[in-house]
C-alpha atoms as a PDB file:
ATOM      1  CA  UNK A   1      -0.333   0.724   0.389  1.00  0.00           C
ATOM      2  CA  UNK A   2       2.875   2.536   0.442  1.00  0.00           C
ATOM      3  CA  UNK A   3       3.971   1.812  -2.684  1.00  0.00           C
ATOM      4  CA  UNK A   4       0.617   4.282  -3.813  1.00  0.00           C
ATOM      5  CA  UNK A   5       1.555   7.444  -0.974  1.00  0.00           C
ATOM      6  CA  UNK A   6       3.626  10.527  -1.292  1.00  0.00           C
ATOM      7  CA  UNK A   7       5.744  11.032   1.633  1.00  0.00           C
ATOM      8  CA  UNK A   8       4.070  13.641   2.755  1.00  0.00           C
ATOM      9  CA  UNK A   9       0.048  12.109   2.469  1.00  0.00           C
ATOM     10  CA  UNK A  10      -1.726  13.293   4.949  1.00  0.00           C
ATOM     11  CA  UNK A  11      -6.195  12.031   6.531  1.00  0.00           C
ATOM     12  CA  UNK A  12      -8.107  13.778   8.080  1.00  0.00           C
ATOM     13  CA  UNK A  13     -10.774  11.937  10.267  1.00  0.00           C
ATOM     14  CA  UNK A  14     -13.725  13.819  11.535  1.00  0.00           C
ATOM     15  CA  UNK A  15     -13.252  14.776  16.032  1.00  0.00           C
ATOM     16  CA  UNK A  16     -16.305  13.116  17.026  1.00  0.00           C
ATOM     17  CA  UNK A  17     -14.690   9.327  15.189  1.00  0.00           C
ATOM     18  CA  UNK A  18     -12.785   6.866  17.359  1.00  0.00           C
ATOM     19  CA  UNK A  19      -9.920   7.573  14.904  1.00  0.00           C
ATOM     20  CA  UNK A  20     -10.150  11.153  14.439  1.00  0.00           C
ATOM     21  CA  UNK A  21      -7.592  13.356  13.803  1.00  0.00           C
ATOM     22  CA  UNK A  22      -4.994  14.377  11.059  1.00  0.00           C
ATOM     23  CA  UNK A  23      -2.945  11.529  10.283  1.00  0.00           C
ATOM     24  CA  UNK A  24       1.102  12.322   8.594  1.00  0.00           C
ATOM     25  CA  UNK A  25       2.945  10.382   6.275  1.00  0.00           C
ATOM     26  CA  UNK A  26       2.909   6.690   4.427  1.00  0.00           C
ATOM     27  CA  UNK A  27       3.154   4.781   8.357  1.00  0.00           C
ATOM     28  CA  UNK A  28       0.083   6.896   9.580  1.00  0.00           C
ATOM     29  CA  UNK A  29      -2.348   6.096   7.139  1.00  0.00           C
ATOM     30  CA  UNK A  30      -1.248   2.629   7.331  1.00  0.00           C
ATOM     31  CA  UNK A  31      -1.840   2.393  10.847  1.00  0.00           C
ATOM     32  CA  UNK A  32      -5.372   4.761  10.584  1.00  0.00           C
ATOM     33  CA  UNK A  33      -6.473   1.811   8.839  1.00  0.00           C
ATOM     34  CA  UNK A  34      -5.171  -0.420  11.102  1.00  0.00           C
ATOM     35  CA  UNK A  35      -7.327   1.625  13.762  1.00  0.00           C
ATOM     36  CA  UNK A  36     -10.379   1.714  11.703  1.00  0.00           C
ATOM     37  CA  UNK A  37     -10.663  -2.000  10.735  1.00  0.00           C
ATOM     38  CA  UNK A  38     -10.104  -2.619  14.125  1.00  0.00           C
ATOM     39  CA  UNK A  39     -12.920  -0.429  14.957  1.00  0.00           C
ATOM     40  CA  UNK A  40     -15.943  -2.152  13.229  1.00  0.00           C
ATOM     41  CA  UNK A  41     -16.416  -5.920  12.464  1.00  0.00           C
ATOM     42  CA  UNK A  42     -17.286  -7.155   8.957  1.00  0.00           C
ATOM     43  CA  UNK A  43     -16.453  -4.011   7.995  1.00  0.00           C
ATOM     44  CA  UNK A  44     -17.102  -3.958   3.934  1.00  0.00           C
ATOM     45  CA  UNK A  45     -16.223  -0.813   1.266  1.00  0.00           C
ATOM     46  CA  UNK A  46     -18.077  -0.856  -1.738  1.00  0.00           C
ATOM     47  CA  UNK A  47     -17.067   0.988  -4.571  1.00  0.00           C
ATOM     48  CA  UNK A  48     -20.538   2.594  -6.019  1.00  0.00           C
ATOM     49  CA  UNK A  49     -19.053   4.899  -8.335  1.00  0.00           C
ATOM     50  CA  UNK A  50     -15.495   7.327  -9.387  1.00  0.00           C
ATOM     51  CA  UNK A  51     -15.155  10.239 -10.646  1.00  0.00           C
ATOM     52  CA  UNK A  52     -11.592  12.517 -11.902  1.00  0.00           C
ATOM     53  CA  UNK A  53     -10.844  16.307 -12.205  1.00  0.00           C
ATOM     54  CA  UNK A  54      -7.775  17.147 -13.109  1.00  0.00           C
ATOM     55  CA  UNK A  55      -5.980  15.804  -9.570  1.00  0.00           C
ATOM     56  CA  UNK A  56      -8.423  15.172  -7.626  1.00  0.00           C
ATOM     57  CA  UNK A  57     -10.788  11.356  -7.693  1.00  0.00           C
ATOM     58  CA  UNK A  58     -13.833  10.884  -5.553  1.00  0.00           C
ATOM     59  CA  UNK A  59     -15.067   7.827  -5.273  1.00  0.00           C
ATOM     60  CA  UNK A  60     -18.624   7.313  -3.843  1.00  0.00           C
ATOM     61  CA  UNK A  61     -19.048   4.139  -1.478  1.00  0.00           C
ATOM     62  CA  UNK A  62     -20.479   1.946   1.223  1.00  0.00           C
ATOM     63  CA  UNK A  63     -19.450   1.115   4.512  1.00  0.00           C
ATOM     64  CA  UNK A  64     -20.615  -0.860   6.212  1.00  0.00           C
ATOM     65  CA  UNK A  65     -20.598  -2.651   9.484  1.00  0.00           C
ATOM     66  CA  UNK A  66     -21.076  -3.426  13.579  1.00  0.00           C
ATOM     67  CA  UNK A  67     -19.410  -2.145  16.272  1.00  0.00           C
ATOM     68  CA  UNK A  68     -18.543  -4.831  19.176  1.00  0.00           C
ATOM     69  CA  UNK A  69     -22.001  -5.289  19.875  1.00  0.00           C
ATOM     70  CA  UNK A  70     -23.160  -6.591  16.999  1.00  0.00           C
ATOM     71  CA  UNK A  71     -25.072  -3.509  16.085  1.00  0.00           C
ATOM     72  CA  UNK A  72     -25.324  -3.043  12.088  1.00  0.00           C
ATOM     73  CA  UNK A  73     -24.639  -0.185  10.151  1.00  0.00           C
ATOM     74  CA  UNK A  74     -24.691   1.180   6.306  1.00  0.00           C
ATOM     75  CA  UNK A  75     -24.389   4.529   5.265  1.00  0.00           C
ATOM     76  CA  UNK A  76     -22.936   6.832   2.268  1.00  0.00           C
ATOM     77  CA  UNK A  77     -19.555   7.250   2.223  1.00  0.00           C
ATOM     78  CA  UNK A  78     -17.579  10.289  -0.442  1.00  0.00           C
ATOM     79  CA  UNK A  79     -13.514   9.974   0.062  1.00  0.00           C
ATOM     80  CA  UNK A  80     -11.827  12.741  -1.807  1.00  0.00           C
ATOM     81  CA  UNK A  81      -8.541  11.931  -3.311  1.00  0.00           C
ATOM     82  CA  UNK A  82      -5.857  14.016  -4.359  1.00  0.00           C
ATOM     83  CA  UNK A  83      -2.212  13.088  -6.156  1.00  0.00           C
ATOM     84  CA  UNK A  84       0.863  14.403  -6.300  1.00  0.00           C
ATOM     85  CA  UNK A  85       3.283  12.606  -8.698  1.00  0.00           C
ATOM     86  CA  UNK A  86       0.800  10.017  -9.079  1.00  0.00           C
ATOM     87  CA  UNK A  87       0.572   9.546  -5.697  1.00  0.00           C
ATOM     88  CA  UNK A  88      -2.219   9.702  -2.698  1.00  0.00           C
ATOM     89  CA  UNK A  89      -0.725  12.984  -0.977  1.00  0.00           C
ATOM     90  CA  UNK A  90      -4.356  13.815   0.536  1.00  0.00           C
ATOM     91  CA  UNK A  91      -7.687  11.436   1.274  1.00  0.00           C
ATOM     92  CA  UNK A  92     -11.193  13.717   2.575  1.00  0.00           C
ATOM     93  CA  UNK A  93     -12.824  10.683   4.391  1.00  0.00           C
ATOM     94  CA  UNK A  94     -17.073  12.401   4.173  1.00  0.00           C
ATOM     95  CA  UNK A  95     -19.058   9.889   5.383  1.00  0.00           C
ATOM     96  CA  UNK A  96     -22.912   9.874   5.556  1.00  0.00           C
ATOM     97  CA  UNK A  97     -23.880  10.380   9.742  1.00  0.00           C
ATOM     98  CA  UNK A  98     -20.118  10.773  11.768  1.00  0.00           C
ATOM     99  CA  UNK A  99     -23.057  10.573  14.789  1.00  0.00           C
ATOM    100  CA  UNK A 100     -24.342   7.416  13.559  1.00  0.00           C
ATOM    101  CA  UNK A 101     -21.118   5.995  14.245  1.00  0.00           C
ATOM    102  CA  UNK A 102     -19.557   8.053  16.864  1.00  0.00           C
ATOM    103  CA  UNK A 103     -23.267   6.814  18.972  1.00  0.00           C
ATOM    104  CA  UNK A 104     -22.108   3.149  17.912  1.00  0.00           C
ATOM    105  CA  UNK A 105     -18.871   2.835  19.106  1.00  0.00           C
ATOM    106  CA  UNK A 106     -20.097   4.948  22.410  1.00  0.00           C
ATOM    107  CA  UNK A 107     -22.330   1.874  22.532  1.00  0.00           C
ATOM    108  CA  UNK A 108     -20.035  -0.378  22.634  1.00  0.00           C
ATOM    109  CA  UNK A 109     -17.655   0.799  24.868  1.00  0.00           C
ATOM    110  CA  UNK A 110     -20.467   1.829  27.987  1.00  0.00           C
END
């Protein structure tokens, strides 16, 4: 995966999510992916459509899985990928309902 990442890649996740914040560099990107996968069970990301405009790629998908208590979710998600020198240099994910994801995470922690 690191082959496709720019050395200064940045991913910004919403502050209400359990993997919130700004994640920098290929190692930060990998740690973020590991944290997202570890947060949810049966996680699936199904790509529905993609579009490119210059150095931006827009990916529309379905983000689905379960929290650790077994409560399922499925929501639309769009990610905007910015490319520099042919590599991913920035990712901005837009979940349809970050509040729902925060609540689902809180349920499993209670």
